[in-house]
Amino acid sequence: MIEVEVKLAIGSAEPEVRRLEQLGGIMVHGRSLEDNILLDLAGDVLRARGAMLRIRKYGEGATLTYKEPAPGPSGFKVRQELEAALQDPDLIVRILESAGFRRVWRYMKYRTVFRVGGLTADLDETPIGNFVELEGARESIDVLALRLGRTPAEYIGLSYRALQEQWCRKRGLAAGDMIFEQGLKS
């Protein structure tokens, strides 16, 4: 599957929920904590080529995801994505660690998922700020962003890891895991 997405920085989450609902958005998954672990090989082999391997726990489910860059429109984050549901994510982490992978980063967010037309609009509340992530066809992303009062100049194509590293650099902080227990606030 090819994933095309952008992030938009937002303020408080509640007004964005109302805006998405006013635009015909249907909440398909209520606000739930999402806990993610990224794994890589020694020397950050995956990261060096722009790829990532992730274990995600969200709501009652868990997934193993592999992503790597794919050709696509500039200004958008375009990735090839392979994903599988997991019954025992902790065991999968242990298996991957036994095979030579290591945990390189953990991040958390509260995510609320909406469907708006043919798009997925994820409202993410993170320790470094809040974002709406729009995923779907490029043209549909542009239309919904415009309806939200946003322009392509506001599109963010960075990963949460890159955003958190940027956020920490601006504040003179070391960029460790992005988890709520660290007390990071935007």
N, C-alpha and C. Protein backbone atom coordinates (compact mmCIF):
# COMPACT_ATOMS: atom_id res chain seq x y z
N MET A 1 0.83 -1.18 0.00
CA MET A 1 0.00 0.00 0.00
C MET A 1 0.88 1.24 0.00
N ILE A 2 0.49 2.25 -0.75
CA ILE A 2 1.19 3.54 -0.74
C ILE A 2 0.39 4.51 0.12
N GLU A 3 1.07 5.12 1.07
CA GLU A 3 0.46 6.06 2.00
C GLU A 3 0.89 7.48 1.60
N VAL A 4 -0.08 8.37 1.44
CA VAL A 4 0.19 9.79 1.16
C VAL A 4 -0.44 10.58 2.29
N GLU A 5 0.37 11.40 2.97
CA GLU A 5 -0.16 12.12 4.12
C GLU A 5 0.57 13.43 4.34
N VAL A 6 -0.07 14.29 5.12
CA VAL A 6 0.55 15.51 5.65
C VAL A 6 0.04 15.70 7.07
N LYS A 7 0.82 16.42 7.83
CA LYS A 7 0.39 16.84 9.16
C LYS A 7 0.14 18.34 9.13
N LEU A 8 -0.79 18.79 9.96
CA LEU A 8 -1.04 20.20 10.17
C LEU A 8 -0.96 20.45 11.67
N ALA A 9 -0.14 21.40 12.09
CA ALA A 9 -0.07 21.76 13.50
C ALA A 9 -1.36 22.47 13.88
N ILE A 10 -1.89 22.12 15.04
CA ILE A 10 -3.13 22.73 15.53
C ILE A 10 -2.94 23.16 16.98
N GLY A 11 -3.89 23.91 17.48
CA GLY A 11 -3.89 24.28 18.89
C GLY A 11 -4.63 23.20 19.68
N SER A 12 -5.63 23.62 20.40
CA SER A 12 -6.42 22.70 21.21
C SER A 12 -7.15 21.69 20.34
N ALA A 13 -7.29 20.47 20.84
CA ALA A 13 -7.90 19.39 20.05
C ALA A 13 -9.41 19.57 19.89
N GLU A 14 -10.10 20.01 20.92
CA GLU A 14 -11.57 20.05 20.89
C GLU A 14 -12.15 20.88 19.75
N PRO A 15 -11.64 22.08 19.47
CA PRO A 15 -12.18 22.82 18.33
C PRO A 15 -11.98 22.09 17.00
N GLU A 16 -10.88 21.37 16.87
CA GLU A 16 -10.63 20.62 15.63
C GLU A 16 -11.60 19.46 15.49
N VAL A 17 -11.96 18.82 16.60
CA VAL A 17 -12.97 17.76 16.56
C VAL A 17 -14.27 18.34 16.01
N ARG A 18 -14.69 19.49 16.54
CA ARG A 18 -15.92 20.12 16.07
C ARG A 18 -15.83 20.50 14.60
N ARG A 19 -14.68 21.03 14.16
CA ARG A 19 -14.52 21.41 12.75
C ARG A 19 -14.61 20.20 11.84
N LEU A 20 -13.96 19.12 12.22
CA LEU A 20 -14.02 17.91 11.39
C LEU A 20 -15.45 17.38 11.31
N GLU A 21 -16.17 17.41 12.42
CA GLU A 21 -17.58 16.97 12.42
C GLU A 21 -18.43 17.89 11.57
N GLN A 22 -18.21 19.20 11.63
CA GLN A 22 -18.97 20.16 10.81
C GLN A 22 -18.71 19.94 9.32
N LEU A 23 -17.54 19.42 8.97
CA LEU A 23 -17.20 19.16 7.58
C LEU A 23 -17.63 17.77 7.13
N GLY A 24 -18.44 17.11 7.95
CA GLY A 24 -18.95 15.79 7.58
C GLY A 24 -18.11 14.64 8.08
N GLY A 25 -17.13 14.92 8.92
CA GLY A 25 -16.28 13.86 9.46
C GLY A 25 -17.04 12.96 10.40
N ILE A 26 -16.77 11.68 10.27
CA ILE A 26 -17.38 10.67 11.14
C ILE A 26 -16.27 10.06 11.99
N MET A 27 -16.46 10.12 13.31
CA MET A 27 -15.46 9.54 14.21
C MET A 27 -15.56 8.02 14.10
N VAL A 28 -14.45 7.40 13.70
CA VAL A 28 -14.44 5.94 13.58
C VAL A 28 -13.68 5.27 14.71
N HIS A 29 -12.92 6.05 15.46
CA HIS A 29 -12.24 5.53 16.66
C HIS A 29 -12.06 6.68 17.62
N GLY A 30 -12.67 6.54 18.79
CA GLY A 30 -12.57 7.58 19.81
C GLY A 30 -11.17 7.74 20.35
N ARG A 31 -10.96 8.82 21.07
CA ARG A 31 -9.65 9.17 21.63
C ARG A 31 -9.10 8.01 22.45
N SER A 32 -7.93 7.52 22.05
CA SER A 32 -7.27 6.41 22.74
C SER A 32 -5.77 6.63 22.73
N LEU A 33 -5.11 6.14 23.77
CA LEU A 33 -3.67 6.22 23.83
C LEU A 33 -3.05 5.28 22.81
N GLU A 34 -2.08 5.80 22.09
CA GLU A 34 -1.31 5.00 21.13
C GLU A 34 0.12 4.97 21.64
N ASP A 35 0.69 3.78 21.75
CA ASP A 35 2.06 3.60 22.23
C ASP A 35 2.85 2.89 21.14
N ASN A 36 3.94 3.51 20.69
CA ASN A 36 4.71 3.03 19.55
C ASN A 36 6.16 2.78 19.94
N ILE A 37 6.71 1.70 19.40
CA ILE A 37 8.14 1.40 19.57
C ILE A 37 8.74 1.24 18.18
N LEU A 38 9.80 2.01 17.90
CA LEU A 38 10.53 1.85 16.65
C LEU A 38 11.73 0.96 16.92
N LEU A 39 12.00 0.07 15.98
CA LEU A 39 13.15 -0.84 16.08
C LEU A 39 14.04 -0.64 14.86
N ASP A 40 15.33 -0.87 15.06
CA ASP A 40 16.28 -0.76 13.95
C ASP A 40 17.43 -1.71 14.22
N LEU A 41 18.24 -1.89 13.21
CA LEU A 41 19.45 -2.70 13.33
C LEU A 41 20.59 -1.81 13.79
N ALA A 42 21.68 -2.42 14.21
CA ALA A 42 22.87 -1.67 14.62
C ALA A 42 23.27 -0.73 13.49
N GLY A 43 23.69 0.47 13.86
CA GLY A 43 24.07 1.46 12.86
C GLY A 43 22.89 2.17 12.24
N ASP A 44 21.70 1.97 12.78
CA ASP A 44 20.47 2.61 12.28
C ASP A 44 20.31 2.42 10.77
N VAL A 45 20.43 1.18 10.35
CA VAL A 45 20.36 0.82 8.93
C VAL A 45 19.04 1.27 8.30
N LEU A 46 17.92 1.00 8.98
CA LEU A 46 16.62 1.38 8.43
C LEU A 46 16.49 2.90 8.34
N ARG A 47 16.82 3.59 9.41
CA ARG A 47 16.68 5.05 9.42
C ARG A 47 17.55 5.70 8.34
N ALA A 48 18.73 5.15 8.11
CA ALA A 48 19.64 5.71 7.12
C ALA A 48 19.02 5.70 5.72
N ARG A 49 18.14 4.76 5.46
CA ARG A 49 17.49 4.73 4.15
C ARG A 49 16.06 5.27 4.20
N GLY A 50 15.70 5.90 5.31
CA GLY A 50 14.39 6.52 5.43
C GLY A 50 13.27 5.54 5.75
N ALA A 51 13.63 4.33 6.17
CA ALA A 51 12.64 3.30 6.48
C ALA A 51 12.44 3.20 7.99
N MET A 52 11.38 2.50 8.38
CA MET A 52 11.14 2.27 9.81
C MET A 52 10.36 0.99 10.03
N LEU A 53 10.61 0.39 11.19
CA LEU A 53 9.89 -0.80 11.64
C LEU A 53 9.27 -0.43 12.98
N ARG A 54 7.95 -0.58 13.09
CA ARG A 54 7.23 -0.09 14.27
C ARG A 54 6.27 -1.14 14.81
N ILE A 55 6.22 -1.21 16.13
CA ILE A 55 5.17 -1.96 16.85
C ILE A 55 4.27 -0.90 17.47
N ARG A 56 2.98 -0.96 17.16
CA ARG A 56 2.02 0.03 17.66
C ARG A 56 0.93 -0.68 18.45
N LYS A 57 0.68 -0.16 19.66
CA LYS A 57 -0.47 -0.58 20.46
C LYS A 57 -1.46 0.59 20.45
N TYR A 58 -2.69 0.30 20.05
CA TYR A 58 -3.70 1.35 19.95
C TYR A 58 -5.05 0.75 20.28
N GLY A 59 -5.70 1.31 21.31
CA GLY A 59 -6.98 0.74 21.72
C GLY A 59 -6.77 -0.70 22.13
N GLU A 60 -7.59 -1.58 21.60
CA GLU A 60 -7.49 -3.00 21.92
C GLU A 60 -6.59 -3.76 20.95
N GLY A 61 -6.04 -3.08 19.94
CA GLY A 61 -5.27 -3.78 18.92
C GLY A 61 -3.80 -3.41 18.92
N ALA A 62 -3.06 -4.12 18.08
CA ALA A 62 -1.63 -3.87 17.90
C ALA A 62 -1.25 -4.26 16.48
N THR A 63 -0.26 -3.54 15.93
CA THR A 63 0.19 -3.81 14.57
C THR A 63 1.72 -3.76 14.49
N LEU A 64 2.23 -4.49 13.53
CA LEU A 64 3.63 -4.40 13.11
C LEU A 64 3.61 -3.71 11.77
N THR A 65 4.39 -2.63 11.62
CA THR A 65 4.38 -1.85 10.39
C THR A 65 5.81 -1.62 9.91
N TYR A 66 6.00 -1.79 8.61
CA TYR A 66 7.24 -1.43 7.95
C TYR A 66 6.91 -0.36 6.92
N LYS A 67 7.67 0.75 6.92
CA LYS A 67 7.46 1.83 5.96
C LYS A 67 8.80 2.21 5.34
N GLU A 68 8.73 2.58 4.06
CA GLU A 68 9.91 3.10 3.38
C GLU A 68 9.46 4.15 2.38
N PRO A 69 10.35 5.09 2.04
CA PRO A 69 9.97 6.15 1.09
C PRO A 69 9.52 5.57 -0.25
N ALA A 70 8.57 6.25 -0.87
CA ALA A 70 8.07 5.88 -2.19
C ALA A 70 7.97 7.15 -3.02
N PRO A 71 8.06 7.02 -4.33
CA PRO A 71 7.91 8.21 -5.18
C PRO A 71 6.50 8.78 -5.05
N GLY A 72 6.40 10.09 -5.10
CA GLY A 72 5.08 10.72 -5.00
C GLY A 72 5.21 12.23 -5.09
N PRO A 73 4.09 12.92 -4.92
CA PRO A 73 4.08 14.38 -5.06
C PRO A 73 4.93 15.06 -3.99
N SER A 74 5.64 16.09 -4.39
CA SER A 74 6.46 16.83 -3.41
C SER A 74 5.54 17.58 -2.45
N GLY A 75 6.03 17.79 -1.25
CA GLY A 75 5.25 18.48 -0.23
C GLY A 75 4.40 17.53 0.60
N PHE A 76 4.40 16.26 0.24
CA PHE A 76 3.62 15.24 0.95
C PHE A 76 4.58 14.17 1.44
N LYS A 77 4.21 13.51 2.51
CA LYS A 77 4.98 12.36 2.99
C LYS A 77 4.39 11.14 2.28
N VAL A 78 5.20 10.49 1.44
CA VAL A 78 4.73 9.35 0.65
C VAL A 78 5.58 8.14 1.01
N ARG A 79 4.90 7.09 1.44
CA ARG A 79 5.60 5.90 1.93
C ARG A 79 4.90 4.63 1.45
N GLN A 80 5.71 3.62 1.16
CA GLN A 80 5.15 2.29 0.97
C GLN A 80 5.00 1.70 2.36
N GLU A 81 3.84 1.10 2.62
CA GLU A 81 3.54 0.62 3.96
C GLU A 81 3.08 -0.83 3.92
N LEU A 82 3.68 -1.64 4.77
CA LEU A 82 3.26 -3.02 4.98
C LEU A 82 2.86 -3.14 6.44
N GLU A 83 1.69 -3.73 6.70
CA GLU A 83 1.19 -3.75 8.07
C GLU A 83 0.48 -5.07 8.35
N ALA A 84 0.68 -5.58 9.57
CA ALA A 84 0.01 -6.81 10.00
C ALA A 84 -0.47 -6.66 11.43
N ALA A 85 -1.64 -7.20 11.70
CA ALA A 85 -2.18 -7.19 13.06
C ALA A 85 -1.38 -8.17 13.93
N LEU A 86 -1.26 -7.82 15.20
CA LEU A 86 -0.51 -8.65 16.14
C LEU A 86 -1.39 -9.09 17.30
N GLN A 87 -1.21 -10.31 17.74
CA GLN A 87 -1.92 -10.77 18.94
C GLN A 87 -1.09 -10.51 20.18
N ASP A 88 0.24 -10.59 20.07
CA ASP A 88 1.12 -10.44 21.23
C ASP A 88 2.28 -9.51 20.86
N PRO A 89 2.05 -8.19 20.91
CA PRO A 89 3.10 -7.25 20.48
C PRO A 89 4.38 -7.34 21.31
N ASP A 90 4.26 -7.60 22.60
CA ASP A 90 5.46 -7.69 23.44
C ASP A 90 6.33 -8.88 23.02
N LEU A 91 5.70 -9.99 22.67
CA LEU A 91 6.44 -11.15 22.19
C LEU A 91 7.13 -10.84 20.87
N ILE A 92 6.46 -10.13 19.97
CA ILE A 92 7.06 -9.77 18.68
C ILE A 92 8.28 -8.88 18.90
N VAL A 93 8.22 -7.96 19.85
CA VAL A 93 9.38 -7.12 20.16
C VAL A 93 10.53 -8.02 20.61
N ARG A 94 10.24 -8.96 21.50
CA ARG A 94 11.29 -9.87 21.99
C ARG A 94 11.87 -10.71 20.86
N ILE A 95 11.03 -11.18 19.95
CA ILE A 95 11.51 -11.96 18.80
C ILE A 95 12.43 -11.11 17.94
N LEU A 96 12.00 -9.89 17.63
CA LEU A 96 12.81 -9.01 16.78
C LEU A 96 14.13 -8.64 17.46
N GLU A 97 14.09 -8.41 18.78
CA GLU A 97 15.33 -8.13 19.50
C GLU A 97 16.26 -9.35 19.46
N SER A 98 15.71 -10.53 19.56
CA SER A 98 16.52 -11.75 19.47
C SER A 98 17.14 -11.90 18.09
N ALA A 99 16.49 -11.37 17.07
CA ALA A 99 16.99 -11.45 15.70
C ALA A 99 17.97 -10.32 15.37
N GLY A 100 18.27 -9.45 16.33
CA GLY A 100 19.27 -8.41 16.11
C GLY A 100 18.73 -7.00 16.03
N PHE A 101 17.42 -6.82 16.08
CA PHE A 101 16.86 -5.48 16.11
C PHE A 101 16.97 -4.94 17.53
N ARG A 102 16.95 -3.61 17.65
CA ARG A 102 16.97 -2.98 18.97
C ARG A 102 15.96 -1.85 18.99
N ARG A 103 15.45 -1.60 20.18
CA ARG A 103 14.52 -0.47 20.35
C ARG A 103 15.31 0.82 20.21
N VAL A 104 14.83 1.72 19.34
CA VAL A 104 15.56 2.97 19.15
C VAL A 104 14.76 4.20 19.57
N TRP A 105 13.44 4.07 19.63
CA TRP A 105 12.64 5.23 20.01
C TRP A 105 11.24 4.77 20.37
N ARG A 106 10.69 5.40 21.39
CA ARG A 106 9.31 5.14 21.80
C ARG A 106 8.58 6.47 21.79
N TYR A 107 7.35 6.45 21.27
CA TYR A 107 6.55 7.68 21.29
C TYR A 107 5.09 7.35 21.54
N MET A 108 4.44 8.32 22.18
CA MET A 108 3.03 8.18 22.54
C MET A 108 2.24 9.35 22.00
N LYS A 109 0.98 9.09 21.80
CA LYS A 109 0.05 10.16 21.45
C LYS A 109 -1.36 9.66 21.75
N TYR A 110 -2.26 10.59 21.95
CA TYR A 110 -3.68 10.26 22.01
C TYR A 110 -4.22 10.53 20.61
N ARG A 111 -4.85 9.53 20.03
CA ARG A 111 -5.33 9.64 18.65
C ARG A 111 -6.83 9.45 18.61
N THR A 112 -7.49 10.33 17.84
CA THR A 112 -8.90 10.21 17.50
C THR A 112 -8.97 10.14 15.99
N VAL A 113 -9.67 9.13 15.46
CA VAL A 113 -9.68 8.89 14.01
C VAL A 113 -11.03 9.26 13.42
N PHE A 114 -10.98 10.05 12.34
CA PHE A 114 -12.17 10.45 11.59
C PHE A 114 -12.06 9.99 10.15
N ARG A 115 -13.19 9.74 9.52
CA ARG A 115 -13.28 9.58 8.07
C ARG A 115 -13.99 10.82 7.56
N VAL A 116 -13.38 11.47 6.58
CA VAL A 116 -13.99 12.65 5.96
C VAL A 116 -13.93 12.40 4.46
N GLY A 117 -15.08 12.02 3.89
CA GLY A 117 -15.07 11.62 2.49
C GLY A 117 -14.18 10.40 2.34
N GLY A 118 -13.24 10.45 1.41
CA GLY A 118 -12.33 9.33 1.21
C GLY A 118 -11.04 9.43 2.00
N LEU A 119 -10.95 10.39 2.91
CA LEU A 119 -9.73 10.60 3.69
C LEU A 119 -9.85 10.08 5.10
N THR A 120 -8.69 9.80 5.68
CA THR A 120 -8.60 9.58 7.11
C THR A 120 -8.00 10.86 7.70
N ALA A 121 -8.63 11.37 8.74
CA ALA A 121 -8.12 12.54 9.46
C ALA A 121 -7.88 12.09 10.90
N ASP A 122 -6.61 11.99 11.27
CA ASP A 122 -6.24 11.58 12.62
C ASP A 122 -5.91 12.82 13.43
N LEU A 123 -6.59 12.98 14.54
CA LEU A 123 -6.30 14.07 15.45
C LEU A 123 -5.35 13.51 16.51
N ASP A 124 -4.11 13.98 16.51
CA ASP A 124 -3.08 13.46 17.40
C ASP A 124 -2.69 14.49 18.44
N GLU A 125 -2.79 14.11 19.70
CA GLU A 125 -2.35 14.94 20.82
C GLU A 125 -1.05 14.33 21.33
N THR A 126 0.06 15.05 21.17
CA THR A 126 1.38 14.52 21.52
C THR A 126 2.00 15.37 22.63
N PRO A 127 3.07 14.88 23.24
CA PRO A 127 3.77 15.69 24.24
C PRO A 127 4.40 16.96 23.68
N ILE A 128 4.55 17.07 22.35
CA ILE A 128 5.16 18.27 21.76
C ILE A 128 4.15 19.15 21.04
N GLY A 129 2.88 18.85 21.15
CA GLY A 129 1.85 19.64 20.50
C GLY A 129 0.83 18.75 19.81
N ASN A 130 -0.18 19.39 19.24
CA ASN A 130 -1.28 18.68 18.60
C ASN A 130 -1.22 18.85 17.09
N PHE A 131 -1.67 17.81 16.39
CA PHE A 131 -1.60 17.79 14.94
C PHE A 131 -2.84 17.09 14.38
N VAL A 132 -3.22 17.47 13.17
CA VAL A 132 -4.18 16.69 12.39
C VAL A 132 -3.38 16.10 11.24
N GLU A 133 -3.48 14.80 11.10
CA GLU A 133 -2.79 14.10 10.03
C GLU A 133 -3.83 13.69 8.99
N LEU A 134 -3.67 14.17 7.77
CA LEU A 134 -4.60 13.86 6.68
C LEU A 134 -3.95 12.82 5.78
N GLU A 135 -4.67 11.72 5.53
CA GLU A 135 -4.13 10.64 4.71
C GLU A 135 -5.13 10.24 3.65
N GLY A 136 -4.64 10.13 2.42
CA GLY A 136 -5.50 9.75 1.30
C GLY A 136 -4.92 10.27 0.00
N ALA A 137 -5.77 10.49 -0.97
CA ALA A 137 -5.32 11.01 -2.27
C ALA A 137 -4.88 12.47 -2.12
N ARG A 138 -3.81 12.82 -2.82
CA ARG A 138 -3.25 14.17 -2.73
C ARG A 138 -4.31 15.25 -2.96
N GLU A 139 -5.13 15.08 -3.98
CA GLU A 139 -6.14 16.09 -4.31
C GLU A 139 -7.15 16.23 -3.17
N SER A 140 -7.53 15.11 -2.58
CA SER A 140 -8.49 15.14 -1.47
C SER A 140 -7.88 15.79 -0.24
N ILE A 141 -6.60 15.56 -0.01
CA ILE A 141 -5.91 16.22 1.11
C ILE A 141 -5.94 17.73 0.91
N ASP A 142 -5.62 18.18 -0.31
CA ASP A 142 -5.63 19.62 -0.60
C ASP A 142 -7.01 20.23 -0.37
N VAL A 143 -8.06 19.53 -0.80
CA VAL A 143 -9.43 20.04 -0.65
C VAL A 143 -9.81 20.15 0.82
N LEU A 144 -9.56 19.08 1.59
CA LEU A 144 -9.93 19.13 3.01
C LEU A 144 -9.09 20.17 3.76
N ALA A 145 -7.81 20.24 3.46
CA ALA A 145 -6.97 21.24 4.12
C ALA A 145 -7.51 22.65 3.86
N LEU A 146 -7.90 22.91 2.62
CA LEU A 146 -8.46 24.21 2.27
C LEU A 146 -9.76 24.46 3.05
N ARG A 147 -10.60 23.43 3.16
CA ARG A 147 -11.84 23.56 3.93
C ARG A 147 -11.57 23.80 5.42
N LEU A 148 -10.40 23.36 5.88
CA LEU A 148 -9.98 23.60 7.26
C LEU A 148 -9.29 24.96 7.40
N GLY A 149 -9.20 25.69 6.28
CA GLY A 149 -8.58 27.01 6.30
C GLY A 149 -7.06 26.95 6.24
N ARG A 150 -6.51 25.86 5.70
CA ARG A 150 -5.07 25.68 5.67
C ARG A 150 -4.57 25.63 4.23
N THR A 151 -3.30 25.94 4.05
CA THR A 151 -2.69 25.95 2.71
C THR A 151 -1.54 24.95 2.67
N PRO A 152 -1.10 24.57 1.46
CA PRO A 152 0.05 23.67 1.36
C PRO A 152 1.31 24.19 2.04
N ALA A 153 1.43 25.49 2.20
CA ALA A 153 2.59 26.05 2.90
C ALA A 153 2.63 25.60 4.36
N GLU A 154 1.50 25.16 4.90
CA GLU A 154 1.42 24.72 6.29
C GLU A 154 1.60 23.21 6.44
N TYR A 155 1.72 22.49 5.33
CA TYR A 155 1.87 21.04 5.38
C TYR A 155 3.19 20.67 6.04
N ILE A 156 3.13 19.67 6.88
CA ILE A 156 4.33 19.13 7.53
C ILE A 156 4.50 17.70 7.02
N GLY A 157 5.63 17.43 6.42
CA GLY A 157 5.90 16.10 5.89
C GLY A 157 6.86 15.30 6.75
N LEU A 158 7.17 15.80 7.94
CA LEU A 158 8.12 15.14 8.83
C LEU A 158 7.44 14.06 9.67
N SER A 159 8.22 13.10 10.09
CA SER A 159 7.75 12.07 11.02
C SER A 159 7.67 12.69 12.42
N TYR A 160 6.97 12.00 13.32
CA TYR A 160 6.92 12.49 14.70
C TYR A 160 8.32 12.47 15.33
N ARG A 161 9.14 11.51 14.95
CA ARG A 161 10.50 11.47 15.49
C ARG A 161 11.28 12.72 15.07
N ALA A 162 11.21 13.07 13.79
CA ALA A 162 11.91 14.27 13.31
C ALA A 162 11.34 15.53 13.95
N LEU A 163 10.01 15.59 14.11
CA LEU A 163 9.39 16.76 14.75
C LEU A 163 9.85 16.89 16.20
N GLN A 164 9.92 15.77 16.92
CA GLN A 164 10.34 15.81 18.31
C GLN A 164 11.80 16.21 18.42
N GLU A 165 12.65 15.71 17.53
CA GLU A 165 14.06 16.10 17.54
C GLU A 165 14.20 17.60 17.30
N GLN A 166 13.44 18.11 16.35
CA GLN A 166 13.44 19.55 16.04
C GLN A 166 12.96 20.35 17.26
N TRP A 167 11.88 19.90 17.88
CA TRP A 167 11.30 20.55 19.05
C TRP A 167 12.33 20.62 20.18
N CYS A 168 13.04 19.51 20.42
CA CYS A 168 14.04 19.47 21.49
C CYS A 168 15.24 20.36 21.18
N ARG A 169 15.71 20.35 19.93
CA ARG A 169 16.85 21.20 19.53
C ARG A 169 16.54 22.67 19.82
N LYS A 170 15.33 23.11 19.48
CA LYS A 170 14.95 24.51 19.71
C LYS A 170 14.98 24.88 21.18
N ARG A 171 14.82 23.89 22.05
CA ARG A 171 14.77 24.14 23.49
C ARG A 171 16.05 23.73 24.21
N GLY A 172 17.04 23.27 23.44
CA GLY A 172 18.31 22.85 24.04
C GLY A 172 18.19 21.57 24.85
N LEU A 173 17.24 20.71 24.49
CA LEU A 173 17.01 19.46 25.21
C LEU A 173 17.52 18.27 24.41
N ALA A 174 17.88 17.21 25.13
CA ALA A 174 18.24 15.96 24.46
C ALA A 174 16.95 15.30 23.97
N ALA A 175 16.99 14.76 22.77
CA ALA A 175 15.80 14.14 22.18
C ALA A 175 15.77 12.65 22.52
N GLY A 176 15.11 12.32 23.61
CA GLY A 176 14.90 10.93 23.98
C GLY A 176 13.56 10.47 23.48
N ASP A 177 12.98 9.54 24.19
CA ASP A 177 11.63 9.07 23.85
C ASP A 177 10.63 10.22 24.01
N MET A 178 9.53 10.14 23.26
CA MET A 178 8.47 11.15 23.34
C MET A 178 7.27 10.50 24.02
N ILE A 179 7.32 10.52 25.34
CA ILE A 179 6.25 9.89 26.12
C ILE A 179 5.71 10.89 27.13
N PHE A 180 4.46 10.72 27.50
CA PHE A 180 3.82 11.69 28.39
C PHE A 180 4.44 11.71 29.78
N GLU A 181 4.97 10.62 30.25
CA GLU A 181 5.56 10.59 31.59
C GLU A 181 6.77 11.51 31.72
N GLN A 182 7.38 11.90 30.58
CA GLN A 182 8.52 12.82 30.63
C GLN A 182 8.10 14.25 30.94
N GLY A 183 6.81 14.52 30.89
CA GLY A 183 6.33 15.83 31.20
C GLY A 183 6.59 16.86 30.11
N LEU A 184 6.88 16.43 28.89
CA LEU A 184 7.10 17.39 27.80
C LEU A 184 5.79 18.08 27.47
N LYS A 185 5.82 19.36 27.39
CA LYS A 185 4.63 20.14 27.03
C LYS A 185 5.01 21.10 25.93
N SER A 186 4.05 21.35 25.04
CA SER A 186 4.33 22.29 23.95
C SER A 186 4.18 23.71 24.42
